[in-house]
Amino acid sequence: MTFNRKNKILLLGFGVALYLCYSFAISNTITYYKDLKSKEEIIENSIQLPTLIPQLKYKEKQLDKYLNAHEIKTKASFQNELLKQLTLYTNQNHVKITDFKAPHQVINKTNNTTTSYIFSLEGTFSNCLKTINTLENKPELGVVKHLQFVKKKNYKTNKEELYVEVILQKNN
């Protein structure tokens, strides 16, 4: 091999070694440095957090007072209220809520909106009926439109369980 060819091979080897060093060590160091800087910024912002919390709580109280004074309720708040009431009734009657699906809305030709809430309960027949009866006696929660009782076998416990799918409709 000539001296010129050895120098070219040496330069090529040096270039490959430099590339390998960058790909394995230097690039990882740069990404770790960027992560460190972002986490330091998060920590710095969290130091200011204790002064921000009381301000946000005060603002939340003001907004709650305003909403209560003007009796403003959103659709999500009705769903939350329904879920709270349903949880209360199921705890009293020893029934479990197994499913609570997203509300389904239908707009009639007269621009009346009907919202259907679909949920499933699990428990004994009499306890499920007590829960549904309690819901029916609260007209502000809506009207029970459909009940579907399904008896399923749980193969893990080798027992049969009763599920009720309830469709509750509310006219807006």
Protein backbone atom coordinates (compact mmCIF):
# COMPACT_ATOMS: atom_id res chain seq x y z
CA MET A 1 0.00 0.00 0.00
CA THR A 2 1.17 3.45 -0.81
CA PHE A 3 1.49 6.21 1.69
CA ASN A 4 -1.36 8.22 0.04
CA ARG A 5 -3.77 5.27 0.24
CA LYS A 6 -2.92 4.68 3.92
CA ASN A 7 -3.73 8.32 4.69
CA LYS A 8 -7.12 8.04 2.91
CA ILE A 9 -8.01 4.87 4.84
CA LEU A 10 -6.89 6.55 8.07
CA LEU A 11 -9.08 9.60 7.36
CA LEU A 12 -12.03 7.39 6.45
CA GLY A 13 -11.56 5.34 9.66
CA PHE A 14 -11.30 8.53 11.68
CA GLY A 15 -14.54 9.83 10.10
CA VAL A 16 -16.34 6.55 10.88
CA ALA A 17 -15.06 6.62 14.47
CA LEU A 18 -16.19 10.23 14.82
CA TYR A 19 -19.66 9.35 13.53
CA LEU A 20 -19.94 6.38 15.91
CA CYS A 21 -18.90 8.54 18.86
CA TYR A 22 -21.53 11.10 17.97
CA SER A 23 -24.31 8.57 17.45
CA PHE A 24 -23.63 6.64 20.67
CA ALA A 25 -22.43 9.24 23.14
CA ILE A 26 -22.82 12.85 22.10
CA SER A 27 -26.39 12.68 20.77
CA ASN A 28 -27.58 10.97 23.98
CA THR A 29 -25.83 13.63 26.04
CA ILE A 30 -27.61 16.38 24.12
CA THR A 31 -31.05 14.78 24.62
CA TYR A 32 -30.37 14.27 28.35
CA TYR A 33 -29.29 17.90 28.63
CA LYS A 34 -32.54 19.07 26.99
CA ASP A 35 -34.57 16.86 29.36
CA LEU A 36 -32.66 18.27 32.33
CA LYS A 37 -33.39 21.84 31.27
CA SER A 38 -37.11 21.15 30.79
CA LYS A 39 -37.36 19.45 34.21
CA GLU A 40 -35.50 22.30 35.87
CA GLU A 41 -38.02 24.69 34.30
CA ILE A 42 -40.92 22.58 35.65
CA ILE A 43 -39.37 22.63 39.12
CA GLU A 44 -38.91 26.38 38.91
CA ASN A 45 -42.56 26.81 37.93
CA SER A 46 -43.72 24.53 40.75
CA ILE A 47 -41.92 26.75 43.27
CA GLN A 48 -44.37 29.53 42.32
CA LEU A 49 -47.33 27.13 42.65
CA PRO A 50 -48.13 27.70 46.36
CA THR A 51 -48.91 31.36 45.69
CA LEU A 52 -51.10 30.42 42.73
CA ILE A 53 -53.31 27.88 44.55
CA PRO A 54 -55.10 30.35 46.88
CA GLN A 55 -55.76 32.68 43.95
CA LEU A 56 -57.34 29.85 41.95
CA LYS A 57 -59.46 28.71 44.91
CA TYR A 58 -60.74 32.26 45.40
CA LYS A 59 -61.59 32.53 41.71
CA GLU A 60 -63.39 29.18 41.81
CA LYS A 61 -65.49 30.35 44.79
CA GLN A 62 -66.42 33.53 42.93
CA LEU A 63 -67.49 31.57 39.85
CA ASP A 64 -69.51 29.11 41.97
CA LYS A 65 -71.32 32.00 43.67
CA TYR A 66 -72.11 33.52 40.28
CA LEU A 67 -73.39 30.23 38.83
CA ASN A 68 -75.52 29.52 41.90
CA ALA A 69 -76.93 33.05 41.95
CA HIS A 70 -78.03 32.83 38.32
CA GLU A 71 -78.92 29.13 38.48
CA ILE A 72 -76.77 28.27 35.51
CA LYS A 73 -76.32 24.58 34.91
CA THR A 74 -74.44 22.95 32.11
CA LYS A 75 -75.27 19.62 30.49
CA ALA A 76 -72.24 18.04 32.10
CA SER A 77 -73.42 19.15 35.53
CA PHE A 78 -76.75 17.34 35.06
CA GLN A 79 -74.89 14.20 34.12
CA ASN A 80 -72.70 14.60 37.20
CA GLU A 81 -75.78 15.18 39.36
CA LEU A 82 -77.43 12.08 37.91
CA LEU A 83 -74.31 10.04 38.59
CA LYS A 84 -74.13 11.35 42.18
CA GLN A 85 -77.76 10.48 42.84
CA LEU A 86 -77.36 7.10 41.19
CA THR A 87 -74.27 6.35 43.27
CA LEU A 88 -76.14 7.32 46.43
CA TYR A 89 -79.09 5.07 45.58
CA THR A 90 -76.92 2.13 44.58
CA ASN A 91 -74.95 2.36 47.82
CA GLN A 92 -78.19 2.36 49.83
CA ASN A 93 -79.56 -0.68 47.95
CA HIS A 94 -76.30 -2.66 47.64
CA VAL A 95 -76.26 -2.49 43.84
CA LYS A 96 -73.23 -1.87 41.63
CA ILE A 97 -73.01 0.50 38.65
CA THR A 98 -71.21 -1.50 35.98
CA ASP A 99 -71.51 0.86 33.01
CA PHE A 100 -72.43 4.50 32.41
CA LYS A 101 -72.37 5.36 28.71
CA ALA A 102 -72.11 8.79 27.13
CA PRO A 103 -75.43 10.62 26.77
CA HIS A 104 -77.30 10.36 23.49
CA GLN A 105 -79.15 13.45 22.22
CA VAL A 106 -82.01 13.62 19.72
CA ILE A 107 -83.42 16.89 18.38
CA ASN A 108 -87.09 16.76 17.31
CA LYS A 109 -88.71 18.76 14.50
CA THR A 110 -89.91 21.29 17.07
CA ASN A 111 -86.29 21.82 18.29
CA ASN A 112 -86.93 19.97 21.54
CA THR A 113 -83.87 18.09 22.70
CA THR A 114 -84.25 14.69 24.35
CA THR A 115 -81.18 13.33 26.09
CA SER A 116 -80.94 9.62 26.90
CA TYR A 117 -78.64 8.34 29.61
CA ILE A 118 -77.79 4.64 29.42
CA PHE A 119 -76.32 2.83 32.39
CA SER A 120 -76.11 -0.71 33.73
CA LEU A 121 -76.62 -2.00 37.26
CA GLU A 122 -75.63 -5.29 38.85
CA GLY A 123 -77.31 -6.82 41.89
CA THR A 124 -80.31 -8.76 43.06
CA PHE A 125 -83.67 -8.30 41.37
CA SER A 126 -85.36 -6.62 44.33
CA ASN A 127 -82.43 -4.28 45.02
CA CYS A 128 -82.26 -3.23 41.36
CA LEU A 129 -86.01 -2.55 41.38
CA LYS A 130 -85.67 -0.45 44.55
CA THR A 131 -82.98 1.64 42.89
CA ILE A 132 -85.01 2.09 39.71
CA ASN A 133 -88.13 2.95 41.74
CA THR A 134 -86.18 5.63 43.59
CA LEU A 135 -85.09 7.06 40.23
CA GLU A 136 -88.67 7.03 38.94
CA ASN A 137 -89.90 8.92 42.00
CA LYS A 138 -87.49 11.79 41.26
CA PRO A 139 -89.04 13.46 38.17
CA GLU A 140 -86.27 16.07 37.96
CA LEU A 141 -83.84 13.27 37.04
CA GLY A 142 -85.91 12.13 34.06
CA VAL A 143 -88.17 9.28 33.02
CA VAL A 144 -87.19 5.62 32.90
CA LYS A 145 -87.98 4.58 29.32
CA HIS A 146 -86.54 1.09 29.08
CA LEU A 147 -85.29 -1.73 31.29
CA GLN A 148 -83.51 -4.82 30.10
CA PHE A 149 -82.73 -7.56 32.61
CA VAL A 150 -79.95 -9.94 31.62
CA LYS A 151 -78.85 -12.95 33.64
CA LYS A 152 -75.19 -13.87 33.03
CA LYS A 153 -73.04 -16.61 34.47
CA ASN A 154 -69.72 -15.60 35.99
CA TYR A 155 -67.41 -18.50 35.26
CA LYS A 156 -64.78 -17.32 37.72
CA THR A 157 -67.10 -17.57 40.72
CA ASN A 158 -69.48 -20.08 39.08
CA LYS A 159 -72.47 -17.91 40.06
CA GLU A 160 -75.21 -16.27 38.06
CA GLU A 161 -75.44 -12.49 38.16
CA LEU A 162 -78.28 -10.16 37.19
CA TYR A 163 -77.58 -7.07 35.11
CA VAL A 164 -80.10 -4.31 34.31
CA GLU A 165 -79.60 -1.89 31.46
CA VAL A 166 -81.60 1.29 32.09
CA ILE A 167 -82.42 4.05 29.60
CA LEU A 168 -83.31 7.26 31.38
CA GLN A 169 -84.64 10.13 29.23
CA LYS A 170 -84.61 13.83 30.05
CA ASN A 171 -86.38 16.46 27.93
CA ASN A 172 -84.59 19.79 27.73
